[in-house]
Amino acid sequence: MAAPIKLSVLPVGSSAVIREFPKTGNAFIRLREMGLLAGTVLTLVRTAPLGDPIEIKLRGYHLTLRKSEADHVLVEPTA
């Protein structure tokens, strides 16, 4: 089992499983409602030219996150 890393540092094209997610704050409640839950598999599709925002694919749809939001999501890269 790989050590958890921040979603914001996951390499483009890599898949990962969400391991830890903040449990407070309005923005994070909204993100959980959109499907970011522990155990969810996601793929980092691309990042903007300056690195912010990032686009991820999960549960069959694409979601764009600010890098500051992705810093709070811990993921475990998959093989």
PDB file of N, CA and C in Angstrom:
ATOM      1  N   MET A   1       0.840  -1.174   0.000  1.00  0.00           N
ATOM      2  CA  MET A   1       0.000   0.000   0.000  1.00  0.00           C
ATOM      3  C   MET A   1       0.888   1.242   0.000  1.00  0.00           C
ATOM      4  N   ALA A   2       0.678   2.129  -0.985  1.00  0.00           N
ATOM      5  CA  ALA A   2       1.477   3.342  -1.111  1.00  0.00           C
ATOM      6  C   ALA A   2       1.062   4.371  -0.059  1.00  0.00           C
ATOM      7  N   ALA A   3       1.997   5.239   0.272  1.00  0.00           N
ATOM      8  CA  ALA A   3       1.709   6.292   1.238  1.00  0.00           C
ATOM      9  C   ALA A   3       0.784   7.332   0.602  1.00  0.00           C
ATOM     10  N   PRO A   4      -0.173   7.858   1.350  1.00  0.00           N
ATOM     11  CA  PRO A   4      -1.066   8.893   0.808  1.00  0.00           C
ATOM     12  C   PRO A   4      -0.304  10.164   0.451  1.00  0.00           C
ATOM     13  N   ILE A   5      -0.729  10.789  -0.651  1.00  0.00           N
ATOM     14  CA  ILE A   5      -0.152  12.068  -1.088  1.00  0.00           C
ATOM     15  C   ILE A   5      -1.306  13.042  -1.333  1.00  0.00           C
ATOM     16  N   LYS A   6      -0.970  14.309  -1.468  1.00  0.00           N
ATOM     17  CA  LYS A   6      -1.984  15.313  -1.774  1.00  0.00           C
ATOM     18  C   LYS A   6      -2.440  15.132  -3.218  1.00  0.00           C
ATOM     19  N   LEU A   7      -3.718  15.304  -3.455  1.00  0.00           N
ATOM     20  CA  LEU A   7      -4.257  15.226  -4.810  1.00  0.00           C
ATOM     21  C   LEU A   7      -3.568  16.233  -5.722  1.00  0.00           C
ATOM     22  N   SER A   8      -3.175  17.358  -5.195  1.00  0.00           N
ATOM     23  CA  SER A   8      -2.558  18.413  -5.999  1.00  0.00           C
ATOM     24  C   SER A   8      -1.196  18.022  -6.566  1.00  0.00           C
ATOM     25  N   VAL A   9      -0.539  16.990  -6.030  1.00  0.00           N
ATOM     26  CA  VAL A   9       0.779  16.571  -6.538  1.00  0.00           C
ATOM     27  C   VAL A   9       0.717  15.257  -7.318  1.00  0.00           C
ATOM     28  N   LEU A  10      -0.466  14.719  -7.524  1.00  0.00           N
ATOM     29  CA  LEU A  10      -0.633  13.505  -8.315  1.00  0.00           C
ATOM     30  C   LEU A  10      -0.243  13.809  -9.760  1.00  0.00           C
ATOM     31  N   PRO A  11       0.574  12.947 -10.399  1.00  0.00           N
ATOM     32  CA  PRO A  11       0.963  13.202 -11.796  1.00  0.00           C
ATOM     33  C   PRO A  11      -0.231  13.093 -12.749  1.00  0.00           C
ATOM     34  N   VAL A  12      -0.208  13.889 -13.796  1.00  0.00           N
ATOM     35  CA  VAL A  12      -1.266  13.870 -14.807  1.00  0.00           C
ATOM     36  C   VAL A  12      -1.353  12.474 -15.422  1.00  0.00           C
ATOM     37  N   GLY A  13      -2.570  11.983 -15.574  1.00  0.00           N
ATOM     38  CA  GLY A  13      -2.801  10.658 -16.138  1.00  0.00           C
ATOM     39  C   GLY A  13      -2.822   9.547 -15.116  1.00  0.00           C
ATOM     40  N   SER A  14      -2.461   9.844 -13.878  1.00  0.00           N
ATOM     41  CA  SER A  14      -2.423   8.837 -12.818  1.00  0.00           C
ATOM     42  C   SER A  14      -3.794   8.661 -12.182  1.00  0.00           C
ATOM     43  N   SER A  15      -4.034   7.450 -11.700  1.00  0.00           N
ATOM     44  CA  SER A  15      -5.259   7.146 -10.961  1.00  0.00           C
ATOM     45  C   SER A  15      -4.921   6.994  -9.493  1.00  0.00           C
ATOM     46  N   ALA A  16      -5.908   7.239  -8.655  1.00  0.00           N
ATOM     47  CA  ALA A  16      -5.705   7.144  -7.213  1.00  0.00           C
ATOM     48  C   ALA A  16      -7.044   6.897  -6.538  1.00  0.00           C
ATOM     49  N   VAL A  17      -6.959   6.492  -5.275  1.00  0.00           N
ATOM     50  CA  VAL A  17      -8.133   6.282  -4.445  1.00  0.00           C
ATOM     51  C   VAL A  17      -8.112   7.339  -3.345  1.00  0.00           C
ATOM     52  N   ILE A  18      -9.230   8.005  -3.135  1.00  0.00           N
ATOM     53  CA  ILE A  18      -9.309   9.009  -2.075  1.00  0.00           C
ATOM     54  C   ILE A  18      -9.241   8.299  -0.733  1.00  0.00           C
ATOM     55  N   ARG A  19      -8.335   8.723   0.129  1.00  0.00           N
ATOM     56  CA  ARG A  19      -8.161   8.112   1.442  1.00  0.00           C
ATOM     57  C   ARG A  19      -8.639   8.997   2.577  1.00  0.00           C
ATOM     58  N   GLU A  20      -8.407  10.296   2.471  1.00  0.00           N
ATOM     59  CA  GLU A  20      -8.793  11.198   3.560  1.00  0.00           C
ATOM     60  C   GLU A  20      -9.295  12.496   2.972  1.00  0.00           C
ATOM     61  N   PHE A  21     -10.341  13.012   3.601  1.00  0.00           N
ATOM     62  CA  PHE A  21     -10.990  14.211   3.096  1.00  0.00           C
ATOM     63  C   PHE A  21     -11.419  15.057   4.284  1.00  0.00           C
ATOM     64  N   PRO A  22     -11.218  16.360   4.242  1.00  0.00           N
ATOM     65  CA  PRO A  22     -11.639  17.203   5.366  1.00  0.00           C
ATOM     66  C   PRO A  22     -13.129  17.047   5.646  1.00  0.00           C
ATOM     67  N   LYS A  23     -13.478  17.164   6.885  1.00  0.00           N
ATOM     68  CA  LYS A  23     -14.865  16.957   7.278  1.00  0.00           C
ATOM     69  C   LYS A  23     -15.577  18.242   7.673  1.00  0.00           C
ATOM     70  N   THR A  24     -14.928  19.392   7.431  1.00  0.00           N
ATOM     71  CA  THR A  24     -15.546  20.666   7.802  1.00  0.00           C
ATOM     72  C   THR A  24     -15.429  21.664   6.658  1.00  0.00           C
ATOM     73  N   GLY A  25     -16.250  22.686   6.709  1.00  0.00           N
ATOM     74  CA  GLY A  25     -16.195  23.771   5.735  1.00  0.00           C
ATOM     75  C   GLY A  25     -17.233  23.629   4.639  1.00  0.00           C
ATOM     76  N   ASN A  26     -17.799  24.747   4.220  1.00  0.00           N
ATOM     77  CA  ASN A  26     -18.839  24.735   3.195  1.00  0.00           C
ATOM     78  C   ASN A  26     -18.342  24.217   1.860  1.00  0.00           C
ATOM     79  N   ALA A  27     -17.136  24.616   1.459  1.00  0.00           N
ATOM     80  CA  ALA A  27     -16.606  24.169   0.171  1.00  0.00           C
ATOM     81  C   ALA A  27     -16.428  22.660   0.163  1.00  0.00           C
ATOM     82  N   PHE A  28     -16.010  22.100   1.272  1.00  0.00           N
ATOM     83  CA  PHE A  28     -15.760  20.663   1.312  1.00  0.00           C
ATOM     84  C   PHE A  28     -17.050  19.867   1.383  1.00  0.00           C
ATOM     85  N   ILE A  29     -18.085  20.436   1.971  1.00  0.00           N
ATOM     86  CA  ILE A  29     -19.401  19.785   1.942  1.00  0.00           C
ATOM     87  C   ILE A  29     -19.875  19.709   0.497  1.00  0.00           C
ATOM     88  N   ARG A  30     -19.715  20.790  -0.236  1.00  0.00           N
ATOM     89  CA  ARG A  30     -20.109  20.829  -1.645  1.00  0.00           C
ATOM     90  C   ARG A  30     -19.339  19.797  -2.464  1.00  0.00           C
ATOM     91  N   LEU A  31     -18.024  19.669  -2.220  1.00  0.00           N
ATOM     92  CA  LEU A  31     -17.217  18.699  -2.959  1.00  0.00           C
ATOM     93  C   LEU A  31     -17.635  17.263  -2.642  1.00  0.00           C
ATOM     94  N   ARG A  32     -17.955  16.991  -1.386  1.00  0.00           N
ATOM     95  CA  ARG A  32     -18.426  15.644  -1.030  1.00  0.00           C
ATOM     96  C   ARG A  32     -19.748  15.347  -1.722  1.00  0.00           C
ATOM     97  N   GLU A  33     -20.600  16.346  -1.826  1.00  0.00           N
ATOM     98  CA  GLU A  33     -21.877  16.157  -2.512  1.00  0.00           C
ATOM     99  C   GLU A  33     -21.676  15.857  -3.993  1.00  0.00           C
ATOM    100  N   MET A  34     -20.550  16.282  -4.557  1.00  0.00           N
ATOM    101  CA  MET A  34     -20.254  16.008  -5.961  1.00  0.00           C
ATOM    102  C   MET A  34     -19.534  14.670  -6.154  1.00  0.00           C
ATOM    103  N   GLY A  35     -19.305  13.924  -5.086  1.00  0.00           N
ATOM    104  CA  GLY A  35     -18.758  12.588  -5.230  1.00  0.00           C
ATOM    105  C   GLY A  35     -17.366  12.359  -4.682  1.00  0.00           C
ATOM    106  N   LEU A  36     -16.717  13.361  -4.109  1.00  0.00           N
ATOM    107  CA  LEU A  36     -15.400  13.151  -3.521  1.00  0.00           C
ATOM    108  C   LEU A  36     -15.570  12.553  -2.134  1.00  0.00           C
ATOM    109  N   LEU A  37     -15.527  11.240  -2.075  1.00  0.00           N
ATOM    110  CA  LEU A  37     -15.689  10.506  -0.823  1.00  0.00           C
ATOM    111  C   LEU A  37     -14.541   9.525  -0.668  1.00  0.00           C
ATOM    112  N   ALA A  38     -14.217   9.166   0.561  1.00  0.00           N
ATOM    113  CA  ALA A  38     -13.162   8.178   0.817  1.00  0.00           C
ATOM    114  C   ALA A  38     -13.500   6.888   0.087  1.00  0.00           C
ATOM    115  N   GLY A  39     -12.506   6.321  -0.592  1.00  0.00           N
ATOM    116  CA  GLY A  39     -12.687   5.077  -1.327  1.00  0.00           C
ATOM    117  C   GLY A  39     -13.021   5.267  -2.795  1.00  0.00           C
ATOM    118  N   THR A  40     -13.277   6.496  -3.219  1.00  0.00           N
ATOM    119  CA  THR A  40     -13.609   6.777  -4.618  1.00  0.00           C
ATOM    120  C   THR A  40     -12.344   6.778  -5.468  1.00  0.00           C
ATOM    121  N   VAL A  41     -12.399   6.106  -6.611  1.00  0.00           N
ATOM    122  CA  VAL A  41     -11.277   6.092  -7.552  1.00  0.00           C
ATOM    123  C   VAL A  41     -11.412   7.292  -8.478  1.00  0.00           C
ATOM    124  N   LEU A  42     -10.290   7.971  -8.725  1.00  0.00           N
ATOM    125  CA  LEU A  42     -10.283   9.125  -9.622  1.00  0.00           C
ATOM    126  C   LEU A  42      -9.044   9.089 -10.494  1.00  0.00           C
ATOM    127  N   THR A  43      -9.081   9.862 -11.563  1.00  0.00           N
ATOM    128  CA  THR A  43      -7.934  10.021 -12.460  1.00  0.00           C
ATOM    129  C   THR A  43      -7.699  11.507 -12.667  1.00  0.00           C
ATOM    130  N   LEU A  44      -6.431  11.921 -12.561  1.00  0.00           N
ATOM    131  CA  LEU A  44      -6.090  13.314 -12.849  1.00  0.00           C
ATOM    132  C   LEU A  44      -5.960  13.448 -14.357  1.00  0.00           C
ATOM    133  N   VAL A  45      -6.875  14.181 -14.966  1.00  0.00           N
ATOM    134  CA  VAL A  45      -6.937  14.303 -16.420  1.00  0.00           C
ATOM    135  C   VAL A  45      -5.918  15.311 -16.926  1.00  0.00           C
ATOM    136  N   ARG A  46      -5.919  16.504 -16.347  1.00  0.00           N
ATOM    137  CA  ARG A  46      -4.976  17.543 -16.779  1.00  0.00           C
ATOM    138  C   ARG A  46      -4.949  18.682 -15.782  1.00  0.00           C
ATOM    139  N   THR A  47      -3.928  19.507 -15.939  1.00  0.00           N
ATOM    140  CA  THR A  47      -3.814  20.718 -15.134  1.00  0.00           C
ATOM    141  C   THR A  47      -3.737  21.906 -16.093  1.00  0.00           C
ATOM    142  N   ALA A  48      -4.113  23.061 -15.610  1.00  0.00           N
ATOM    143  CA  ALA A  48      -3.997  24.276 -16.411  1.00  0.00           C
ATOM    144  C   ALA A  48      -2.516  24.586 -16.626  1.00  0.00           C
ATOM    145  N   PRO A  49      -2.185  25.403 -17.624  1.00  0.00           N
ATOM    146  CA  PRO A  49      -0.776  25.697 -17.908  1.00  0.00           C
ATOM    147  C   PRO A  49       0.036  26.176 -16.708  1.00  0.00           C
ATOM    148  N   LEU A  50      -0.578  26.924 -15.810  1.00  0.00           N
ATOM    149  CA  LEU A  50       0.151  27.388 -14.627  1.00  0.00           C
ATOM    150  C   LEU A  50      -0.088  26.494 -13.412  1.00  0.00           C
ATOM    151  N   GLY A  51      -0.736  25.342 -13.627  1.00  0.00           N
ATOM    152  CA  GLY A  51      -0.921  24.379 -12.541  1.00  0.00           C
ATOM    153  C   GLY A  51      -2.200  24.534 -11.743  1.00  0.00           C
ATOM    154  N   ASP A  52      -2.997  25.528 -12.034  1.00  0.00           N
ATOM    155  CA  ASP A  52      -4.218  25.762 -11.264  1.00  0.00           C
ATOM    156  C   ASP A  52      -5.288  26.296 -12.191  1.00  0.00           C
ATOM    157  N   PRO A  53      -6.415  25.654 -12.338  1.00  0.00           N
ATOM    158  CA  PRO A  53      -6.968  24.527 -11.590  1.00  0.00           C
ATOM    159  C   PRO A  53      -6.542  23.184 -12.184  1.00  0.00           C
ATOM    160  N   ILE A  54      -7.047  22.094 -11.555  1.00  0.00           N
ATOM    161  CA  ILE A  54      -6.804  20.747 -12.052  1.00  0.00           C
ATOM    162  C   ILE A  54      -8.145  20.123 -12.424  1.00  0.00           C
ATOM    163  N   GLU A  55      -8.103  19.192 -13.372  1.00  0.00           N
ATOM    164  CA  GLU A  55      -9.313  18.494 -13.789  1.00  0.00           C
ATOM    165  C   GLU A  55      -9.173  17.025 -13.444  1.00  0.00           C
ATOM    166  N   ILE A  56     -10.170  16.489 -12.732  1.00  0.00           N
ATOM    167  CA  ILE A  56     -10.162  15.081 -12.384  1.00  0.00           C
ATOM    168  C   ILE A  56     -11.403  14.412 -12.968  1.00  0.00           C
ATOM    169  N   LYS A  57     -11.301  13.095 -13.152  1.00  0.00           N
ATOM    170  CA  LYS A  57     -12.452  12.318 -13.606  1.00  0.00           C
ATOM    171  C   LYS A  57     -12.786  11.316 -12.509  1.00  0.00           C
ATOM    172  N   LEU A  58     -14.049  11.315 -12.086  1.00  0.00           N
ATOM    173  CA  LEU A  58     -14.502  10.370 -11.086  1.00  0.00           C
ATOM    174  C   LEU A  58     -15.971  10.099 -11.299  1.00  0.00           C
ATOM    175  N   ARG A  59     -16.386   8.884 -11.012  1.00  0.00           N
ATOM    176  CA  ARG A  59     -17.798   8.489 -11.107  1.00  0.00           C
ATOM    177  C   ARG A  59     -18.432   8.836 -12.462  1.00  0.00           C
ATOM    178  N   GLY A  60     -17.614   8.820 -13.529  1.00  0.00           N
ATOM    179  CA  GLY A  60     -18.143   9.033 -14.866  1.00  0.00           C
ATOM    180  C   GLY A  60     -18.267  10.479 -15.314  1.00  0.00           C
ATOM    181  N   TYR A  61     -17.775  11.424 -14.556  1.00  0.00           N
ATOM    182  CA  TYR A  61     -17.824  12.819 -14.991  1.00  0.00           C
ATOM    183  C   TYR A  61     -16.535  13.539 -14.636  1.00  0.00           C
ATOM    184  N   HIS A  62     -16.335  14.704 -15.221  1.00  0.00           N
ATOM    185  CA  HIS A  62     -15.134  15.507 -15.001  1.00  0.00           C
ATOM    186  C   HIS A  62     -15.450  16.632 -14.022  1.00  0.00           C
ATOM    187  N   LEU A  63     -14.504  16.901 -13.144  1.00  0.00           N
ATOM    188  CA  LEU A  63     -14.661  17.925 -12.118  1.00  0.00           C
ATOM    189  C   LEU A  63     -13.380  18.755 -12.074  1.00  0.00           C
ATOM    190  N   THR A  64     -13.520  20.053 -12.010  1.00  0.00           N
ATOM    191  CA  THR A  64     -12.377  20.954 -11.915  1.00  0.00           C
ATOM    192  C   THR A  64     -12.281  21.484 -10.493  1.00  0.00           C
ATOM    193  N   LEU A  65     -11.070  21.401  -9.933  1.00  0.00           N
ATOM    194  CA  LEU A  65     -10.823  21.857  -8.567  1.00  0.00           C
ATOM    195  C   LEU A  65      -9.697  22.878  -8.542  1.00  0.00           C
ATOM    196  N   ARG A  66      -9.793  23.800  -7.630  1.00  0.00           N
ATOM    197  CA  ARG A  66      -8.659  24.690  -7.373  1.00  0.00           C
ATOM    198  C   ARG A  66      -7.565  23.868  -6.701  1.00  0.00           C
ATOM    199  N   LYS A  67      -6.332  24.264  -6.944  1.00  0.00           N
ATOM    200  CA  LYS A  67      -5.208  23.555  -6.325  1.00  0.00           C
ATOM    201  C   LYS A  67      -5.287  23.659  -4.802  1.00  0.00           C
ATOM    202  N   SER A  68      -5.762  24.788  -4.291  1.00  0.00           N
ATOM    203  CA  SER A  68      -5.881  24.960  -2.841  1.00  0.00           C
ATOM    204  C   SER A  68      -6.893  23.970  -2.248  1.00  0.00           C
ATOM    205  N   GLU A  69      -7.932  23.608  -3.014  1.00  0.00           N
ATOM    206  CA  GLU A  69      -8.892  22.602  -2.558  1.00  0.00           C
ATOM    207  C   GLU A  69      -8.272  21.213  -2.630  1.00  0.00           C
ATOM    208  N   ALA A  70      -7.546  20.944  -3.713  1.00  0.00           N
ATOM    209  CA  ALA A  70      -6.918  19.628  -3.905  1.00  0.00           C
ATOM    210  C   ALA A  70      -5.823  19.366  -2.867  1.00  0.00           C
ATOM    211  N   ASP A  71      -5.244  20.413  -2.297  1.00  0.00           N
ATOM    212  CA  ASP A  71      -4.220  20.252  -1.259  1.00  0.00           C
ATOM    213  C   ASP A  71      -4.762  19.555  -0.017  1.00  0.00           C
ATOM    214  N   HIS A  72      -6.063  19.627   0.201  1.00  0.00           N
ATOM    215  CA  HIS A  72      -6.667  19.061   1.405  1.00  0.00           C
ATOM    216  C   HIS A  72      -7.168  17.631   1.230  1.00  0.00           C
ATOM    217  N   VAL A  73      -7.091  17.116   0.001  1.00  0.00           N
ATOM    218  CA  VAL A  73      -7.568  15.770  -0.289  1.00  0.00           C
ATOM    219  C   VAL A  73      -6.359  14.840  -0.387  1.00  0.00           C
ATOM    220  N   LEU A  74      -6.306  13.807   0.471  1.00  0.00           N
ATOM    221  CA  LEU A  74      -5.221  12.838   0.431  1.00  0.00           C
ATOM    222  C   LEU A  74      -5.657  11.627  -0.367  1.00  0.00           C
ATOM    223  N   VAL A  75      -4.803  11.203  -1.313  1.00  0.00           N
ATOM    224  CA  VAL A  75      -5.111  10.070  -2.173  1.00  0.00           C
ATOM    225  C   VAL A  75      -3.984   9.047  -2.111  1.00  0.00           C
ATOM    226  N   GLU A  76      -4.317   7.815  -2.468  1.00  0.00           N
ATOM    227  CA  GLU A  76      -3.327   6.737  -2.547  1.00  0.00           C
ATOM    228  C   GLU A  76      -3.211   6.336  -4.013  1.00  0.00           C
ATOM    229  N   PRO A  77      -2.070   6.590  -4.643  1.00  0.00           N
ATOM    230  CA  PRO A  77      -1.911   6.230  -6.063  1.00  0.00           C
ATOM    231  C   PRO A  77      -2.105   4.729  -6.270  1.00  0.00           C
ATOM    232  N   THR A  78      -2.724   4.384  -7.406  1.00  0.00           N
ATOM    233  CA  THR A  78      -2.918   2.973  -7.753  1.00  0.00           C
ATOM    234  C   THR A  78      -1.892   2.594  -8.809  1.00  0.00           C
ATOM    235  N   ALA A  79      -1.671   1.308  -8.945  1.00  0.00           N
ATOM    236  CA  ALA A  79      -0.656   0.823  -9.893  1.00  0.00           C
ATOM    237  C   ALA A  79      -1.081   0.941 -11.326  1.00  0.00           C
TER     238      ALA A  79
END
